[in-house]
Amino acid sequence: NRLKNEVLTAVREQDPERIVFVPAMGWQDYNYIKYARVAEEDPNAVVSFHYYLPMLLSHYKMLAWVGYQGAVQYPQYASFHKTTYNADRIMGEMSNAASDGRNAGLAVHCGEFGCSKNVAEAMRLAWFTDMVAAMEANNIPWTLWECLDGGFEFVDMEYGIYRINCPLLKVLTGKELTDAEAKALLQKYGFKTE
């Protein structure tokens, strides 16, 4: 918190109105929002957190979990935390994040969230649907970790060919694109689609 305040003070000396995102502590865990502090009440400081729970689902067959080949299930996924994750759980956690931000006098932003494309599509869409609904219900603006070919994306690339995951795009934005519209959009920006 001390370093954050020193940096924020330096920014405010140059640009008092700029919106500044300050990280929650503990790898930007939403549970640490309640400990976020900024020098004096700053209406333009926003505390940012990440959400990837349950990690075994969100990072399925990625990074440290690349060797795990067992089954995953969402909702009702019993994680290594020995708990169940579902829409109610996520809604409660986003409600806590928003409440903790209000209590700290800070706006809250989910700066990273995502779910591995290695998860079965129906489970992945359910998780994203529950996440977006919970954040919107709690007025938490959000940023998807990545949109283009890295494991969490909604634009897939295989062998140099790009494809928009239209069902996921609809969950994220509410906008519906046909496959032809998605293809034309990618081509408009120079992405190879065939």
Protein backbone atom coordinates (compact mmCIF):
# COMPACT_ATOMS: atom_id res chain seq x y z
CA ASN A 1 0.00 0.00 0.00
CA ARG A 2 2.84 2.42 0.76
CA LEU A 3 4.43 1.97 -2.68
CA LYS A 4 1.03 2.29 -4.36
CA ASN A 5 0.46 5.57 -2.54
CA GLU A 6 3.87 6.93 -3.49
CA VAL A 7 3.27 6.12 -7.16
CA LEU A 8 -0.29 7.46 -7.05
CA THR A 9 0.91 10.70 -5.42
CA ALA A 10 3.50 11.14 -8.21
CA VAL A 11 0.84 10.54 -10.87
CA ARG A 12 -1.55 13.00 -9.19
CA GLU A 13 1.13 15.71 -9.19
CA GLN A 14 1.24 15.45 -12.99
CA ASP A 15 -2.34 14.48 -13.80
CA PRO A 16 -4.86 14.87 -10.96
CA GLU A 17 -7.86 13.66 -13.00
CA ARG A 18 -6.41 10.53 -14.60
CA ILE A 19 -8.12 7.28 -13.69
CA VAL A 20 -5.50 5.01 -12.13
CA PHE A 21 -5.90 1.30 -11.57
CA VAL A 22 -4.21 0.03 -8.43
CA PRO A 23 -3.82 -3.70 -7.90
CA ALA A 24 -5.37 -5.64 -5.08
CA MET A 25 -2.66 -7.47 -3.18
CA GLY A 26 -2.01 -11.24 -3.22
CA TRP A 27 -1.76 -11.70 -7.00
CA GLN A 28 -4.69 -9.30 -7.28
CA ASP A 29 -6.97 -11.69 -5.44
CA TYR A 30 -10.47 -10.30 -4.92
CA ASN A 31 -10.18 -11.25 -1.22
CA TYR A 32 -7.55 -8.52 -0.79
CA ILE A 33 -9.70 -5.63 -2.04
CA LYS A 34 -10.72 -4.89 1.54
CA TYR A 35 -7.07 -4.10 2.35
CA ALA A 36 -6.58 -1.66 -0.52
CA ARG A 37 -5.81 1.86 0.59
CA VAL A 38 -4.92 5.00 -1.30
CA ALA A 39 -3.69 8.30 0.09
CA GLU A 40 -6.73 10.42 0.83
CA GLU A 41 -10.01 9.53 -0.78
CA ASP A 42 -9.25 9.52 -4.50
CA PRO A 43 -12.36 9.33 -6.70
CA ASN A 44 -10.23 8.41 -9.71
CA ALA A 45 -8.44 5.45 -8.14
CA VAL A 46 -9.84 2.03 -9.02
CA VAL A 47 -8.77 -1.22 -7.37
CA SER A 48 -8.30 -4.03 -9.88
CA PHE A 49 -8.52 -7.76 -9.21
CA HIS A 50 -8.18 -11.02 -11.13
CA TYR A 51 -10.59 -13.95 -11.04
CA TYR A 52 -9.75 -17.45 -12.28
CA LEU A 53 -11.57 -19.68 -9.83
CA PRO A 54 -11.55 -22.59 -9.76
CA MET A 55 -8.01 -22.57 -11.17
CA LEU A 56 -8.08 -26.21 -12.24
CA LEU A 57 -11.04 -25.35 -14.50
CA SER A 58 -9.89 -21.92 -15.71
CA HIS A 59 -6.36 -23.16 -16.46
CA TYR A 60 -7.29 -26.70 -17.55
CA LYS A 61 -4.34 -28.31 -19.38
CA MET A 62 -2.41 -25.03 -19.24
CA LEU A 63 0.65 -23.83 -17.32
CA ALA A 64 1.19 -25.73 -14.07
CA TRP A 65 -1.85 -27.91 -14.79
CA VAL A 66 -0.74 -29.00 -18.26
CA GLY A 67 -0.02 -32.50 -16.99
CA TYR A 68 -3.43 -32.93 -15.36
CA GLN A 69 -5.56 -35.13 -17.59
CA GLY A 70 -8.45 -35.81 -15.22
CA ALA A 71 -11.99 -34.62 -15.66
CA VAL A 72 -13.24 -31.15 -14.77
CA GLN A 73 -16.85 -30.16 -14.24
CA TYR A 74 -18.65 -26.83 -14.04
CA PRO A 75 -20.97 -26.05 -12.39
CA GLN A 76 -20.80 -28.15 -9.24
CA TYR A 77 -17.07 -28.52 -9.69
CA ALA A 78 -15.43 -29.73 -6.47
CA SER A 79 -11.99 -28.15 -6.70
CA PHE A 80 -8.78 -28.75 -4.83
CA HIS A 81 -10.18 -26.08 -2.49
CA LYS A 82 -12.75 -28.73 -1.52
CA THR A 83 -15.65 -26.47 -2.39
CA THR A 84 -18.29 -26.13 -5.07
CA TYR A 85 -18.22 -23.48 -7.77
CA ASN A 86 -21.43 -22.46 -9.48
CA ALA A 87 -23.36 -19.29 -10.39
CA ASP A 88 -24.34 -18.64 -6.77
CA ARG A 89 -20.76 -18.97 -5.56
CA ILE A 90 -19.45 -16.60 -8.22
CA MET A 91 -22.29 -14.13 -7.59
CA GLY A 92 -21.45 -14.11 -3.88
CA GLU A 93 -17.76 -13.56 -4.53
CA MET A 94 -18.42 -10.67 -6.95
CA SER A 95 -20.86 -9.19 -4.43
CA ASN A 96 -18.12 -9.37 -1.78
CA ALA A 97 -15.63 -7.74 -4.15
CA ALA A 98 -18.00 -4.85 -4.86
CA SER A 99 -18.86 -4.44 -1.19
CA ASP A 100 -15.20 -4.51 -0.14
CA GLY A 101 -14.46 -1.82 -2.72
CA ARG A 102 -17.27 0.40 -1.44
CA ASN A 103 -16.08 -0.09 2.14
CA ALA A 104 -12.54 0.90 1.09
CA GLY A 105 -13.92 3.93 -0.77
CA LEU A 106 -12.73 2.61 -4.13
CA ALA A 107 -14.34 1.63 -7.40
CA VAL A 108 -13.62 -1.99 -8.36
CA HIS A 109 -12.55 -3.45 -11.72
CA CYS A 110 -11.95 -7.05 -12.74
CA GLY A 111 -8.78 -6.59 -14.76
CA GLU A 112 -8.35 -10.24 -15.70
CA PHE A 113 -10.59 -13.27 -15.97
CA GLY A 114 -10.86 -16.16 -18.35
CA CYS A 115 -11.39 -19.86 -18.83
CA SER A 116 -9.20 -22.24 -20.82
CA LYS A 117 -10.30 -23.15 -24.29
CA ASN A 118 -9.34 -26.73 -23.33
CA VAL A 119 -12.52 -26.96 -21.25
CA ALA A 120 -15.58 -28.42 -22.98
CA GLU A 121 -17.39 -25.58 -24.76
CA ALA A 122 -20.67 -25.94 -22.83
CA MET A 123 -18.85 -25.72 -19.46
CA ARG A 124 -16.70 -22.83 -20.66
CA LEU A 125 -19.74 -20.88 -21.85
CA ALA A 126 -21.54 -21.59 -18.56
CA TRP A 127 -18.58 -20.29 -16.54
CA PHE A 128 -18.26 -17.15 -18.68
CA THR A 129 -22.03 -16.60 -18.52
CA ASP A 130 -21.97 -16.82 -14.72
CA MET A 131 -18.94 -14.52 -14.48
CA VAL A 132 -20.36 -11.80 -16.75
CA ALA A 133 -23.76 -11.96 -15.03
CA ALA A 134 -22.20 -11.67 -11.58
CA MET A 135 -19.96 -8.76 -12.55
CA GLU A 136 -22.78 -6.91 -14.29
CA ALA A 137 -25.17 -7.50 -11.36
CA ASN A 138 -22.56 -5.95 -9.06
CA ASN A 139 -21.62 -3.08 -11.41
CA ILE A 140 -18.08 -4.34 -11.81
CA PRO A 141 -16.51 -3.37 -15.13
CA TRP A 142 -14.24 -6.05 -16.52
CA THR A 143 -11.50 -6.89 -18.99
CA LEU A 144 -11.07 -10.32 -20.53
CA TRP A 145 -7.50 -11.54 -20.10
CA GLU A 146 -6.97 -12.01 -23.83
CA CYS A 147 -8.99 -12.05 -26.98
CA LEU A 148 -6.59 -13.57 -29.47
CA ASP A 149 -5.08 -17.06 -29.43
CA GLY A 150 -3.45 -17.61 -26.08
CA GLY A 151 -5.65 -20.07 -24.26
CA PHE A 152 -8.50 -17.90 -22.91
CA GLU A 153 -9.48 -16.14 -26.12
CA PHE A 154 -12.64 -15.69 -28.12
CA VAL A 155 -10.70 -15.44 -31.40
CA ASP A 156 -9.18 -18.84 -32.11
CA MET A 157 -6.28 -19.47 -34.45
CA GLU A 158 -5.29 -22.85 -35.76
CA TYR A 159 -2.72 -23.35 -38.52
CA GLY A 160 -2.83 -19.62 -39.34
CA ILE A 161 -6.61 -19.55 -39.78
CA TYR A 162 -8.63 -17.29 -37.45
CA ARG A 163 -12.18 -17.87 -36.19
CA ILE A 164 -14.34 -15.86 -33.78
CA ASN A 165 -16.07 -18.00 -31.16
CA CYS A 166 -19.50 -16.45 -31.82
CA PRO A 167 -21.30 -18.05 -28.83
CA LEU A 168 -18.60 -16.74 -26.46
CA LEU A 169 -18.65 -13.30 -28.10
CA LYS A 170 -22.42 -13.20 -27.46
CA VAL A 171 -21.91 -14.07 -23.78
CA LEU A 172 -19.26 -11.36 -23.43
CA THR A 173 -20.92 -8.57 -25.42
CA GLY A 174 -24.54 -9.51 -25.98
CA LYS A 175 -23.89 -9.18 -29.73
CA GLU A 176 -24.78 -11.98 -32.05
CA LEU A 177 -22.75 -12.57 -35.20
CA THR A 178 -23.34 -15.18 -37.85
CA ASP A 179 -20.29 -17.16 -38.90
CA ALA A 180 -20.28 -15.21 -42.18
CA GLU A 181 -20.37 -11.85 -40.35
CA ALA A 182 -17.58 -12.99 -38.03
CA LYS A 183 -15.48 -14.12 -40.99
CA ALA A 184 -16.04 -10.79 -42.80
CA LEU A 185 -15.06 -8.87 -39.66
CA LEU A 186 -11.81 -10.79 -39.33
CA GLN A 187 -11.04 -10.31 -43.02
CA LYS A 188 -11.71 -6.56 -42.71
CA TYR A 189 -8.81 -6.35 -40.25
CA GLY A 190 -6.47 -8.54 -42.25
CA PHE A 191 -6.89 -11.87 -40.46
CA LYS A 192 -6.67 -15.00 -42.60
CA THR A 193 -9.93 -16.97 -42.44
CA GLU A 194 -9.38 -19.67 -45.08
